[in-house]
Amino acid sequence: MIRKDKKKIIVINAFLVAALFGLVSLNKEFLRPALNHTNLLKDITGCFPNFIAAFIISLAPVTAVIIRKPERGRLIVYLFSMTVFIILMIEELNPMWGASEYYDLYDIIASGLGSLLAIGCFEILRFFIKKVRKA
C-alpha cells in the first residue's frame, strides 16, 4: 500500500474516533440533560451512545476497503459491522466494561441500527465511487 494511502486511512479513522468521543460527550453533557423532560427524548438520548458507537466503529474498515479495493472488501465490512454489533449486544446483556449498568433492549436496537447504517453508508460510497470511475 502506498504511504499516502496509509496516511489517509489513519487520518480518517482518527477523525472518526474523535467524532465518537465528541458526540458521546455532547450527548452526555448537553443533550441528555436538556432533553430529559419526555420519556421518548429520554430514551433517544439514552440510546444515542450505543447507536453512534456502533455506527462509527463499524465505519473503521470502510476507508481501507474503499482505498485498497481488496477482493473481499464487502465481506470485510459486513463481518466487521456484525462483530461490532455482537460485541455491543453482549456488553449490554452482560456488562463487562462498565459502559452500562442494566439491560436495555433499546440500546441493543440502537446498536443494530448503527451497524446497519454503517453498511448502508459503505454501499452508497461504493455505488458512487463506481459511478465516478465509469464516467
N, C-alpha and C. Protein backbone atom coordinates (compact mmCIF):
# COMPACT_ATOMS: atom_id res chain seq x y z
N MET A 1 0.85 -1.18 0.00
CA MET A 1 0.00 0.00 0.00
C MET A 1 0.90 1.24 0.00
N ILE A 2 0.46 2.21 -0.72
CA ILE A 2 1.20 3.46 -0.83
C ILE A 2 1.14 4.20 0.51
N ARG A 3 2.24 4.84 0.86
CA ARG A 3 2.33 5.57 2.13
C ARG A 3 1.23 6.63 2.25
N LYS A 4 0.95 7.30 1.16
CA LYS A 4 -0.09 8.34 1.14
C LYS A 4 -1.46 7.74 1.49
N ASP A 5 -1.73 6.53 0.99
CA ASP A 5 -3.00 5.86 1.28
C ASP A 5 -3.08 5.47 2.76
N LYS A 6 -1.97 4.98 3.32
CA LYS A 6 -1.94 4.63 4.75
C LYS A 6 -2.25 5.87 5.59
N LYS A 7 -1.64 6.96 5.20
CA LYS A 7 -1.85 8.21 5.95
C LYS A 7 -3.31 8.64 5.90
N LYS A 8 -3.93 8.53 4.72
CA LYS A 8 -5.35 8.87 4.57
C LYS A 8 -6.21 8.02 5.49
N ILE A 9 -5.95 6.72 5.49
CA ILE A 9 -6.74 5.80 6.31
C ILE A 9 -6.59 6.14 7.79
N ILE A 10 -5.37 6.40 8.22
CA ILE A 10 -5.11 6.73 9.63
C ILE A 10 -5.79 8.04 10.01
N VAL A 11 -5.68 9.05 9.16
CA VAL A 11 -6.28 10.36 9.46
C VAL A 11 -7.80 10.26 9.53
N ILE A 12 -8.41 9.56 8.58
CA ILE A 12 -9.87 9.43 8.59
C ILE A 12 -10.33 8.66 9.81
N ASN A 13 -9.64 7.58 10.16
CA ASN A 13 -10.05 6.80 11.34
C ASN A 13 -9.80 7.57 12.63
N ALA A 14 -8.75 8.39 12.68
CA ALA A 14 -8.52 9.24 13.86
C ALA A 14 -9.66 10.27 13.99
N PHE A 15 -10.08 10.81 12.87
CA PHE A 15 -11.22 11.74 12.88
C PHE A 15 -12.48 11.03 13.38
N LEU A 16 -12.70 9.79 12.96
CA LEU A 16 -13.87 9.04 13.42
C LEU A 16 -13.83 8.81 14.93
N VAL A 17 -12.65 8.47 15.46
CA VAL A 17 -12.51 8.27 16.91
C VAL A 17 -12.81 9.56 17.65
N ALA A 18 -12.27 10.67 17.14
CA ALA A 18 -12.54 11.98 17.77
C ALA A 18 -14.03 12.31 17.70
N ALA A 19 -14.66 12.02 16.57
CA ALA A 19 -16.10 12.27 16.43
C ALA A 19 -16.90 11.42 17.41
N LEU A 20 -16.48 10.17 17.60
CA LEU A 20 -17.17 9.29 18.54
C LEU A 20 -17.13 9.87 19.95
N PHE A 21 -15.94 10.22 20.41
CA PHE A 21 -15.81 10.78 21.76
C PHE A 21 -16.53 12.12 21.88
N GLY A 22 -16.43 12.95 20.85
CA GLY A 22 -17.10 14.25 20.88
C GLY A 22 -18.61 14.13 20.93
N LEU A 23 -19.17 13.25 20.11
CA LEU A 23 -20.62 13.09 20.09
C LEU A 23 -21.16 12.46 21.37
N VAL A 24 -20.45 11.48 21.89
CA VAL A 24 -20.88 10.87 23.15
C VAL A 24 -20.81 11.88 24.29
N SER A 25 -19.76 12.68 24.31
CA SER A 25 -19.64 13.72 25.34
C SER A 25 -20.71 14.79 25.19
N LEU A 26 -20.97 15.21 23.96
CA LEU A 26 -22.03 16.18 23.68
C LEU A 26 -23.36 15.67 24.18
N ASN A 27 -23.64 14.41 23.91
CA ASN A 27 -24.89 13.81 24.37
C ASN A 27 -24.97 13.79 25.89
N LYS A 28 -23.88 13.37 26.53
CA LYS A 28 -23.86 13.24 28.00
C LYS A 28 -23.95 14.59 28.70
N GLU A 29 -23.21 15.56 28.21
CA GLU A 29 -23.12 16.85 28.91
C GLU A 29 -24.24 17.83 28.56
N PHE A 30 -24.74 17.78 27.33
CA PHE A 30 -25.70 18.80 26.90
C PHE A 30 -27.07 18.25 26.49
N LEU A 31 -27.07 17.28 25.58
CA LEU A 31 -28.34 16.81 25.05
C LEU A 31 -29.19 16.08 26.08
N ARG A 32 -28.59 15.14 26.77
CA ARG A 32 -29.35 14.35 27.74
C ARG A 32 -29.96 15.23 28.84
N PRO A 33 -29.20 16.14 29.46
CA PRO A 33 -29.82 16.99 30.48
C PRO A 33 -30.89 17.94 29.90
N ALA A 34 -30.67 18.44 28.70
CA ALA A 34 -31.61 19.39 28.11
C ALA A 34 -32.88 18.73 27.60
N LEU A 35 -32.79 17.47 27.17
CA LEU A 35 -33.94 16.79 26.57
C LEU A 35 -34.50 15.69 27.45
N ASN A 36 -34.34 15.82 28.72
CA ASN A 36 -34.73 14.78 29.67
C ASN A 36 -36.18 14.92 30.15
N HIS A 37 -36.97 15.79 29.54
CA HIS A 37 -38.30 16.08 30.06
C HIS A 37 -39.41 15.18 29.53
N THR A 38 -39.19 14.40 28.45
CA THR A 38 -40.20 13.43 27.99
C THR A 38 -39.54 12.06 27.91
N ASN A 39 -40.37 11.03 28.04
CA ASN A 39 -39.85 9.66 28.00
C ASN A 39 -39.21 9.33 26.65
N LEU A 40 -39.83 9.79 25.57
CA LEU A 40 -39.30 9.49 24.24
C LEU A 40 -37.90 10.10 24.06
N LEU A 41 -37.76 11.36 24.39
CA LEU A 41 -36.45 12.02 24.26
C LEU A 41 -35.43 11.42 25.22
N LYS A 42 -35.90 11.02 26.40
CA LYS A 42 -35.01 10.38 27.37
C LYS A 42 -34.49 9.05 26.81
N ASP A 43 -35.38 8.29 26.17
CA ASP A 43 -34.96 7.01 25.57
C ASP A 43 -34.00 7.24 24.41
N ILE A 44 -34.29 8.23 23.57
CA ILE A 44 -33.44 8.51 22.41
C ILE A 44 -32.04 8.94 22.85
N THR A 45 -31.97 9.88 23.79
CA THR A 45 -30.64 10.33 24.25
C THR A 45 -29.93 9.23 25.04
N GLY A 46 -30.69 8.33 25.64
CA GLY A 46 -30.08 7.21 26.36
C GLY A 46 -29.48 6.17 25.41
N CYS A 47 -30.09 6.00 24.24
CA CYS A 47 -29.63 5.02 23.25
C CYS A 47 -28.58 5.58 22.29
N PHE A 48 -28.49 6.90 22.22
CA PHE A 48 -27.60 7.54 21.25
C PHE A 48 -26.15 7.05 21.34
N PRO A 49 -25.57 6.91 22.54
CA PRO A 49 -24.17 6.44 22.59
C PRO A 49 -23.99 5.06 21.94
N ASN A 50 -24.95 4.16 22.14
CA ASN A 50 -24.85 2.84 21.51
C ASN A 50 -24.95 2.94 20.00
N PHE A 51 -25.88 3.76 19.53
CA PHE A 51 -26.06 3.95 18.10
C PHE A 51 -24.80 4.53 17.46
N ILE A 52 -24.30 5.60 18.02
CA ILE A 52 -23.16 6.28 17.42
C ILE A 52 -21.89 5.44 17.53
N ALA A 53 -21.75 4.68 18.63
CA ALA A 53 -20.58 3.80 18.77
C ALA A 53 -20.62 2.70 17.70
N ALA A 54 -21.77 2.07 17.53
CA ALA A 54 -21.89 1.02 16.52
C ALA A 54 -21.64 1.58 15.13
N PHE A 55 -22.19 2.75 14.85
CA PHE A 55 -22.04 3.36 13.54
C PHE A 55 -20.58 3.72 13.24
N ILE A 56 -19.97 4.44 14.14
CA ILE A 56 -18.61 4.94 13.87
C ILE A 56 -17.58 3.81 13.93
N ILE A 57 -17.71 2.91 14.88
CA ILE A 57 -16.75 1.80 14.94
C ILE A 57 -16.90 0.90 13.71
N SER A 58 -18.14 0.69 13.26
CA SER A 58 -18.36 -0.12 12.06
C SER A 58 -17.83 0.54 10.80
N LEU A 59 -17.65 1.85 10.82
CA LEU A 59 -17.08 2.56 9.67
C LEU A 59 -15.56 2.42 9.58
N ALA A 60 -14.92 1.93 10.63
CA ALA A 60 -13.46 1.86 10.67
C ALA A 60 -12.84 1.16 9.46
N PRO A 61 -13.33 0.01 9.01
CA PRO A 61 -12.67 -0.63 7.86
C PRO A 61 -13.09 -0.06 6.50
N VAL A 62 -14.12 0.77 6.48
CA VAL A 62 -14.65 1.26 5.21
C VAL A 62 -13.60 2.04 4.42
N THR A 63 -12.88 2.92 5.06
CA THR A 63 -11.87 3.72 4.37
C THR A 63 -10.82 2.83 3.72
N ALA A 64 -10.32 1.86 4.48
CA ALA A 64 -9.30 0.96 3.94
C ALA A 64 -9.84 0.14 2.78
N VAL A 65 -11.06 -0.32 2.89
CA VAL A 65 -11.66 -1.13 1.83
C VAL A 65 -11.88 -0.29 0.57
N ILE A 66 -12.36 0.93 0.74
CA ILE A 66 -12.59 1.81 -0.41
C ILE A 66 -11.27 2.16 -1.10
N ILE A 67 -10.24 2.46 -0.32
CA ILE A 67 -8.95 2.86 -0.90
C ILE A 67 -8.19 1.67 -1.49
N ARG A 68 -8.12 0.59 -0.75
CA ARG A 68 -7.29 -0.54 -1.18
C ARG A 68 -8.00 -1.48 -2.15
N LYS A 69 -9.34 -1.49 -2.13
CA LYS A 69 -10.16 -2.34 -3.01
C LYS A 69 -9.79 -3.83 -2.92
N PRO A 70 -9.80 -4.41 -1.71
CA PRO A 70 -9.49 -5.84 -1.63
C PRO A 70 -10.60 -6.67 -2.30
N GLU A 71 -10.23 -7.88 -2.68
CA GLU A 71 -11.15 -8.75 -3.38
C GLU A 71 -12.44 -9.01 -2.59
N ARG A 72 -12.32 -9.17 -1.30
CA ARG A 72 -13.48 -9.46 -0.46
C ARG A 72 -13.79 -8.27 0.47
N GLY A 73 -13.69 -7.08 -0.06
CA GLY A 73 -13.91 -5.88 0.73
C GLY A 73 -15.30 -5.79 1.33
N ARG A 74 -16.30 -6.13 0.55
CA ARG A 74 -17.68 -6.08 1.05
C ARG A 74 -17.85 -7.03 2.23
N LEU A 75 -17.30 -8.23 2.12
CA LEU A 75 -17.37 -9.21 3.20
C LEU A 75 -16.68 -8.69 4.46
N ILE A 76 -15.54 -8.03 4.29
CA ILE A 76 -14.81 -7.47 5.43
C ILE A 76 -15.68 -6.46 6.17
N VAL A 77 -16.30 -5.54 5.44
CA VAL A 77 -17.13 -4.52 6.07
C VAL A 77 -18.35 -5.15 6.75
N TYR A 78 -19.01 -6.08 6.10
CA TYR A 78 -20.20 -6.72 6.67
C TYR A 78 -19.85 -7.50 7.94
N LEU A 79 -18.78 -8.30 7.88
CA LEU A 79 -18.39 -9.09 9.06
C LEU A 79 -17.93 -8.21 10.21
N PHE A 80 -17.20 -7.16 9.89
CA PHE A 80 -16.74 -6.24 10.93
C PHE A 80 -17.95 -5.57 11.61
N SER A 81 -18.92 -5.12 10.83
CA SER A 81 -20.11 -4.48 11.39
C SER A 81 -20.90 -5.46 12.25
N MET A 82 -21.02 -6.69 11.77
CA MET A 82 -21.73 -7.71 12.54
C MET A 82 -21.00 -8.01 13.85
N THR A 83 -19.69 -8.06 13.81
CA THR A 83 -18.89 -8.30 15.01
C THR A 83 -19.05 -7.16 16.02
N VAL A 84 -19.04 -5.92 15.52
CA VAL A 84 -19.25 -4.76 16.40
C VAL A 84 -20.61 -4.87 17.08
N PHE A 85 -21.64 -5.19 16.31
CA PHE A 85 -22.99 -5.33 16.88
C PHE A 85 -23.02 -6.43 17.93
N ILE A 86 -22.43 -7.57 17.63
CA ILE A 86 -22.44 -8.70 18.59
C ILE A 86 -21.71 -8.33 19.87
N ILE A 87 -20.57 -7.67 19.76
CA ILE A 87 -19.82 -7.26 20.96
C ILE A 87 -20.64 -6.27 21.79
N LEU A 88 -21.25 -5.29 21.13
CA LEU A 88 -22.07 -4.32 21.87
C LEU A 88 -23.30 -4.98 22.49
N MET A 89 -23.87 -5.95 21.80
CA MET A 89 -25.03 -6.66 22.34
C MET A 89 -24.62 -7.49 23.56
N ILE A 90 -23.51 -8.19 23.46
CA ILE A 90 -23.03 -8.99 24.60
C ILE A 90 -22.72 -8.07 25.79
N GLU A 91 -22.10 -6.91 25.49
CA GLU A 91 -21.79 -5.97 26.57
C GLU A 91 -23.06 -5.44 27.23
N GLU A 92 -24.11 -5.30 26.45
CA GLU A 92 -25.39 -4.83 27.00
C GLU A 92 -26.03 -5.91 27.87
N LEU A 93 -25.96 -7.15 27.43
CA LEU A 93 -26.56 -8.26 28.17
C LEU A 93 -25.75 -8.63 29.41
N ASN A 94 -24.43 -8.52 29.30
CA ASN A 94 -23.54 -8.88 30.40
C ASN A 94 -22.46 -7.81 30.51
N PRO A 95 -22.76 -6.70 31.21
CA PRO A 95 -21.80 -5.58 31.26
C PRO A 95 -20.41 -6.02 31.71
N MET A 96 -19.42 -5.68 30.85
CA MET A 96 -18.04 -6.07 31.14
C MET A 96 -17.16 -4.87 31.42
N TRP A 97 -17.41 -3.76 30.71
CA TRP A 97 -16.51 -2.62 30.76
C TRP A 97 -17.12 -1.43 31.48
N GLY A 98 -18.25 -1.62 32.12
CA GLY A 98 -18.86 -0.53 32.88
C GLY A 98 -19.59 0.49 32.05
N ALA A 99 -19.78 0.21 30.76
CA ALA A 99 -20.48 1.16 29.90
C ALA A 99 -21.97 1.22 30.25
N SER A 100 -22.54 0.10 30.62
CA SER A 100 -23.94 0.08 31.02
C SER A 100 -24.07 -0.69 32.32
N GLU A 101 -25.10 -0.34 33.05
CA GLU A 101 -25.28 -0.98 34.35
C GLU A 101 -26.47 -1.93 34.37
N TYR A 102 -27.36 -1.80 33.38
CA TYR A 102 -28.51 -2.68 33.32
C TYR A 102 -28.89 -2.93 31.86
N TYR A 103 -29.64 -4.02 31.65
CA TYR A 103 -30.06 -4.43 30.31
C TYR A 103 -31.11 -3.46 29.77
N ASP A 104 -30.94 -3.06 28.52
CA ASP A 104 -31.90 -2.17 27.87
C ASP A 104 -32.05 -2.61 26.42
N LEU A 105 -33.23 -3.07 26.06
CA LEU A 105 -33.50 -3.54 24.71
C LEU A 105 -33.28 -2.43 23.68
N TYR A 106 -33.62 -1.20 24.04
CA TYR A 106 -33.45 -0.08 23.12
C TYR A 106 -31.98 0.13 22.76
N ASP A 107 -31.08 -0.12 23.69
CA ASP A 107 -29.65 0.01 23.40
C ASP A 107 -29.20 -1.04 22.38
N ILE A 108 -29.74 -2.24 22.47
CA ILE A 108 -29.41 -3.30 21.51
C ILE A 108 -29.95 -2.92 20.13
N ILE A 109 -31.17 -2.42 20.09
CA ILE A 109 -31.76 -1.99 18.81
C ILE A 109 -30.94 -0.85 18.21
N ALA A 110 -30.54 0.11 19.05
CA ALA A 110 -29.74 1.24 18.57
C ALA A 110 -28.39 0.77 18.02
N SER A 111 -27.78 -0.20 18.67
CA SER A 111 -26.51 -0.75 18.19
C SER A 111 -26.70 -1.42 16.83
N GLY A 112 -27.78 -2.17 16.69
CA GLY A 112 -28.07 -2.82 15.41
C GLY A 112 -28.31 -1.80 14.30
N LEU A 113 -29.06 -0.75 14.61
CA LEU A 113 -29.32 0.29 13.61
C LEU A 113 -28.03 1.03 13.22
N GLY A 114 -27.16 1.27 14.19
CA GLY A 114 -25.89 1.92 13.90
C GLY A 114 -25.02 1.08 12.97
N SER A 115 -24.96 -0.21 13.22
CA SER A 115 -24.18 -1.11 12.37
C SER A 115 -24.78 -1.19 10.97
N LEU A 116 -26.10 -1.25 10.88
CA LEU A 116 -26.76 -1.28 9.57
C LEU A 116 -26.55 0.02 8.80
N LEU A 117 -26.58 1.14 9.50
CA LEU A 117 -26.35 2.42 8.84
C LEU A 117 -24.92 2.50 8.29
N ALA A 118 -23.97 1.95 9.00
CA ALA A 118 -22.58 1.93 8.52
C ALA A 118 -22.48 1.10 7.24
N ILE A 119 -23.16 -0.03 7.20
CA ILE A 119 -23.18 -0.86 5.99
C ILE A 119 -23.84 -0.09 4.85
N GLY A 120 -24.94 0.60 5.16
CA GLY A 120 -25.62 1.41 4.15
C GLY A 120 -24.72 2.51 3.61
N CYS A 121 -23.99 3.18 4.49
CA CYS A 121 -23.05 4.22 4.05
C CYS A 121 -21.96 3.64 3.16
N PHE A 122 -21.45 2.47 3.51
CA PHE A 122 -20.45 1.80 2.69
C PHE A 122 -21.00 1.50 1.30
N GLU A 123 -22.20 0.97 1.24
CA GLU A 123 -22.80 0.63 -0.05
C GLU A 123 -23.04 1.89 -0.90
N ILE A 124 -23.47 2.97 -0.28
CA ILE A 124 -23.69 4.22 -1.01
C ILE A 124 -22.36 4.75 -1.55
N LEU A 125 -21.33 4.76 -0.71
CA LEU A 125 -19.99 5.19 -1.15
C LEU A 125 -19.49 4.33 -2.30
N ARG A 126 -19.65 3.05 -2.16
CA ARG A 126 -19.20 2.11 -3.19
C ARG A 126 -19.92 2.37 -4.51
N PHE A 127 -21.21 2.60 -4.43
CA PHE A 127 -22.01 2.88 -5.62
C PHE A 127 -21.54 4.15 -6.32
N PHE A 128 -21.37 5.22 -5.56
CA PHE A 128 -20.96 6.49 -6.16
C PHE A 128 -19.53 6.45 -6.69
N ILE A 129 -18.66 5.72 -6.02
CA ILE A 129 -17.27 5.61 -6.49
C ILE A 129 -17.23 4.83 -7.81
N LYS A 130 -18.02 3.76 -7.90
CA LYS A 130 -18.08 3.01 -9.16
C LYS A 130 -18.62 3.88 -10.28
N LYS A 131 -19.63 4.68 -9.95
CA LYS A 131 -20.24 5.57 -10.93
C LYS A 131 -19.24 6.61 -11.43
N VAL A 132 -18.46 7.18 -10.51
CA VAL A 132 -17.46 8.19 -10.87
C VAL A 132 -16.35 7.56 -11.71
N ARG A 133 -15.92 6.37 -11.36
CA ARG A 133 -14.83 5.71 -12.10
C ARG A 133 -15.24 5.35 -13.52
N LYS A 134 -16.53 5.05 -13.72
CA LYS A 134 -17.02 4.75 -15.06
C LYS A 134 -17.11 5.98 -15.93
N ALA A 135 -17.34 7.12 -15.32
CA ALA A 135 -17.51 8.37 -16.09
C ALA A 135 -16.21 8.94 -16.59
